[in-house]
Amino acid sequence: MYIKYLLCLFPLLISTAMAETSEKVTAEIEAAIHATADRWNSQDFATVLELWDTNEPTPFYLAEEQDDWFIGWEALRAYLDPPRPSPMIYGIREEMYNIKVNQIAPDLAMAAWDMHFEMKMGRSKPIGEDVRVSAILRLTPEGWRYIYWAESPLTATVYIRKLLEQNVDEEKFEEVYERAMKKRNEEK
């Protein structure tokens, strides 16, 4: 029940007490998040489970490519350590950045960050995208461990706009834009 309240309060809590989180806690959680990327990048995906709090009775995990949540250990293990890994996945690479941390209790913290994700499936070319991620971590004797993880992709409209913006040659367009603005101001 406690986790449901945290999920509802997540946006408010992450914005209010950021300054109160110690540099030590921030560094420890950043290290856990980067360790997660390292484990995905190792291609031994089952090791990601080691970064979860095994004392949490009901972990939550939302992968952006899935229709629904993985709730509970059975579902989480089936996703991260399936009996037969997908033969179509040839490689995954993740990179975490813009990490924000908010310690909400002595043994609980929330984090939000950006993740660059790349994957090669079958004979197709590798694909990549940027995804927003949020998580709740609990301090355990082994260090900070996940109890909640959610990936939030951009909406199609925002994603397409960002792709279109990337295709602009800023330097060349600036000259044309200045000329257009000058002409517009002269016509007023």
Protein backbone atom coordinates (compact mmCIF):
# COMPACT_ATOMS: atom_id res chain seq x y z
CA MET A 1 0.00 0.00 0.00
CA TYR A 2 2.88 2.34 0.85
CA ILE A 3 4.28 2.02 -2.67
CA LYS A 4 0.95 3.09 -4.21
CA TYR A 5 1.07 6.35 -2.25
CA LEU A 6 4.65 6.93 -3.34
CA LEU A 7 3.71 6.44 -6.97
CA CYS A 8 0.99 9.09 -6.70
CA LEU A 9 3.30 11.54 -4.95
CA PHE A 10 6.36 10.85 -7.12
CA PRO A 11 6.28 14.07 -9.21
CA LEU A 12 5.68 16.29 -6.17
CA LEU A 13 8.29 14.63 -3.99
CA ILE A 14 11.03 14.64 -6.62
CA SER A 15 10.69 18.39 -7.09
CA THR A 16 10.48 19.50 -3.46
CA ALA A 17 13.36 18.03 -1.49
CA MET A 18 16.10 17.63 -4.09
CA ALA A 19 18.43 19.97 -2.21
CA GLU A 20 18.08 17.89 0.96
CA THR A 21 19.59 14.77 -0.60
CA SER A 22 23.21 14.40 0.46
CA GLU A 23 26.00 14.20 -2.08
CA LYS A 24 26.89 10.77 -0.68
CA VAL A 25 23.39 9.37 -1.27
CA THR A 26 23.25 10.95 -4.72
CA ALA A 27 26.61 9.42 -5.65
CA GLU A 28 25.57 5.99 -4.35
CA ILE A 29 22.32 6.02 -6.30
CA GLU A 30 24.03 7.31 -9.44
CA ALA A 31 26.48 4.42 -9.08
CA ALA A 32 23.58 1.93 -8.82
CA ILE A 33 21.95 3.41 -11.93
CA HIS A 34 25.21 3.28 -13.90
CA ALA A 35 25.76 -0.29 -12.65
CA THR A 36 22.39 -1.13 -14.16
CA ALA A 37 23.55 0.10 -17.57
CA ASP A 38 26.81 -1.83 -17.16
CA ARG A 39 24.88 -5.03 -16.51
CA TRP A 40 22.63 -4.55 -19.54
CA ASN A 41 25.71 -3.72 -21.62
CA SER A 42 27.40 -6.95 -20.44
CA GLN A 43 24.62 -8.85 -22.25
CA ASP A 44 24.09 -10.93 -19.08
CA PHE A 45 20.65 -9.44 -18.41
CA ALA A 46 19.85 -11.73 -15.47
CA THR A 47 22.49 -9.89 -13.40
CA VAL A 48 20.19 -6.85 -13.38
CA LEU A 49 18.08 -8.78 -10.85
CA GLU A 50 20.97 -8.49 -8.37
CA LEU A 51 20.28 -4.75 -8.19
CA TRP A 52 16.76 -5.31 -6.86
CA ASP A 53 15.80 -5.52 -3.17
CA THR A 54 14.94 -9.19 -2.64
CA ASN A 55 13.11 -8.25 0.58
CA GLU A 56 10.57 -6.22 -1.40
CA PRO A 57 7.47 -8.42 -1.58
CA THR A 58 6.07 -6.80 -4.73
CA PRO A 59 8.54 -5.12 -7.09
CA PHE A 60 7.14 -3.06 -9.97
CA TYR A 61 8.81 -2.83 -13.41
CA LEU A 62 7.51 -1.13 -16.54
CA ALA A 63 9.55 -1.68 -19.69
CA GLU A 64 8.66 0.89 -22.34
CA GLU A 65 8.30 -1.74 -25.05
CA GLN A 66 5.80 -3.82 -23.05
CA ASP A 67 2.01 -3.43 -22.85
CA ASP A 68 1.79 -3.86 -19.11
CA TRP A 69 3.69 -3.81 -15.82
CA PHE A 70 5.74 -6.68 -14.46
CA ILE A 71 4.51 -6.86 -10.88
CA GLY A 72 5.99 -9.34 -8.43
CA TRP A 73 9.09 -11.50 -8.51
CA GLU A 74 7.75 -14.16 -10.86
CA ALA A 75 6.93 -11.61 -13.56
CA LEU A 76 10.18 -9.68 -13.04
CA ARG A 77 12.31 -12.83 -13.26
CA ALA A 78 10.42 -14.01 -16.35
CA TYR A 79 11.31 -10.72 -18.07
CA LEU A 80 14.92 -10.27 -16.91
CA ASP A 81 15.95 -13.93 -16.70
CA PRO A 82 13.68 -15.97 -18.98
CA PRO A 83 14.26 -19.73 -19.29
CA ARG A 84 15.13 -19.20 -22.96
CA PRO A 85 16.43 -15.74 -23.92
CA SER A 86 15.10 -14.25 -27.13
CA PRO A 87 17.18 -15.47 -30.08
CA MET A 88 16.27 -12.25 -31.92
CA ILE A 89 18.14 -9.92 -29.55
CA TYR A 90 21.74 -9.67 -30.72
CA GLY A 91 22.82 -6.88 -28.40
CA ILE A 92 21.64 -4.11 -26.07
CA ARG A 93 23.44 -0.95 -24.99
CA GLU A 94 22.24 1.56 -22.40
CA GLU A 95 23.62 4.86 -21.17
CA MET A 96 22.17 6.80 -18.21
CA TYR A 97 22.48 10.59 -17.80
CA ASN A 98 20.78 13.67 -16.26
CA ILE A 99 20.21 11.72 -13.04
CA LYS A 100 18.15 13.49 -10.35
CA VAL A 101 17.86 11.99 -6.86
CA ASN A 102 15.48 12.76 -3.99
CA GLN A 103 15.87 10.92 -0.68
CA ILE A 104 12.37 10.69 0.79
CA ALA A 105 13.18 8.64 3.90
CA PRO A 106 16.39 7.39 5.51
CA ASP A 107 16.12 4.15 3.53
CA LEU A 108 14.14 5.29 0.45
CA ALA A 109 15.01 7.47 -2.51
CA MET A 110 13.46 8.34 -5.84
CA ALA A 111 15.43 8.99 -8.97
CA ALA A 112 14.58 10.22 -12.45
CA TRP A 113 16.93 10.24 -15.43
CA ASP A 114 17.31 9.93 -19.16
CA MET A 115 18.40 6.69 -20.75
CA HIS A 116 19.79 6.25 -24.24
CA PHE A 117 18.93 2.77 -25.44
CA GLU A 118 20.27 0.90 -28.47
CA MET A 119 19.43 -2.61 -29.62
CA LYS A 120 20.18 -4.93 -32.54
CA MET A 121 17.60 -7.51 -33.45
CA GLY A 122 18.18 -10.17 -36.07
CA ARG A 123 19.53 -8.96 -39.39
CA SER A 124 18.12 -5.45 -39.08
CA LYS A 125 20.26 -2.41 -38.39
CA PRO A 126 20.59 -1.37 -34.73
CA ILE A 127 17.93 1.00 -33.45
CA GLY A 128 18.15 3.53 -30.65
CA GLU A 129 16.01 5.93 -28.68
CA ASP A 130 15.99 8.17 -25.64
CA VAL A 131 13.66 7.22 -22.80
CA ARG A 132 12.83 8.84 -19.47
CA VAL A 133 13.15 6.55 -16.45
CA SER A 134 12.01 6.84 -12.84
CA ALA A 135 12.75 4.50 -9.97
CA ILE A 136 12.38 4.04 -6.25
CA LEU A 137 15.34 2.50 -4.45
CA ARG A 138 15.68 1.16 -0.92
CA LEU A 139 18.87 1.19 1.13
CA THR A 140 19.84 -2.38 2.03
CA PRO A 141 22.99 -3.84 3.61
CA GLU A 142 24.22 -4.43 0.02
CA GLY A 143 23.57 -0.79 -0.97
CA TRP A 144 20.73 0.92 -2.82
CA ARG A 145 18.41 -1.55 -4.56
CA TYR A 146 15.40 -1.06 -6.81
CA ILE A 147 11.84 -1.73 -5.72
CA TYR A 148 10.17 0.20 -8.56
CA TRP A 149 11.26 1.06 -12.13
CA ALA A 150 9.30 2.73 -14.94
CA GLU A 151 10.42 3.68 -18.43
CA SER A 152 8.46 6.51 -20.06
CA PRO A 153 8.99 6.98 -23.79
CA LEU A 154 8.18 10.26 -25.47
CA THR A 155 4.80 10.53 -27.16
CA ALA A 156 4.84 10.04 -30.92
CA THR A 157 4.29 13.77 -31.51
CA VAL A 158 7.18 14.85 -29.28
CA TYR A 159 9.45 12.12 -30.66
CA ILE A 160 8.78 13.07 -34.30
CA ARG A 161 9.29 16.77 -33.52
CA LYS A 162 12.67 16.00 -31.93
CA LEU A 163 13.67 13.91 -34.96
CA LEU A 164 12.69 16.74 -37.30
CA GLU A 165 14.62 19.27 -35.19
CA GLN A 166 17.73 17.08 -35.41
CA ASN A 167 17.61 17.32 -39.20
CA VAL A 168 18.07 21.10 -39.25
CA ASP A 169 21.49 22.48 -40.14
CA GLU A 170 21.44 25.19 -37.46
CA GLU A 171 24.33 27.18 -38.90
CA LYS A 172 22.92 27.35 -42.43
CA PHE A 173 19.36 27.93 -41.26
CA GLU A 174 20.37 30.79 -38.94
CA GLU A 175 21.46 32.91 -41.91
CA VAL A 176 18.16 32.35 -43.73
CA TYR A 177 16.16 32.94 -40.57
CA GLU A 178 17.90 36.27 -39.86
CA ARG A 179 17.22 37.40 -43.42
CA ALA A 180 13.55 36.39 -43.14
CA MET A 181 13.13 38.21 -39.81
CA LYS A 182 14.78 41.33 -41.20
CA LYS A 183 12.43 41.31 -44.18
CA ARG A 184 9.43 40.73 -41.93
CA ASN A 185 10.38 43.68 -39.70
CA GLU A 186 10.87 45.94 -42.73
CA GLU A 187 7.35 45.12 -43.96
CA LYS A 188 5.74 46.27 -40.69
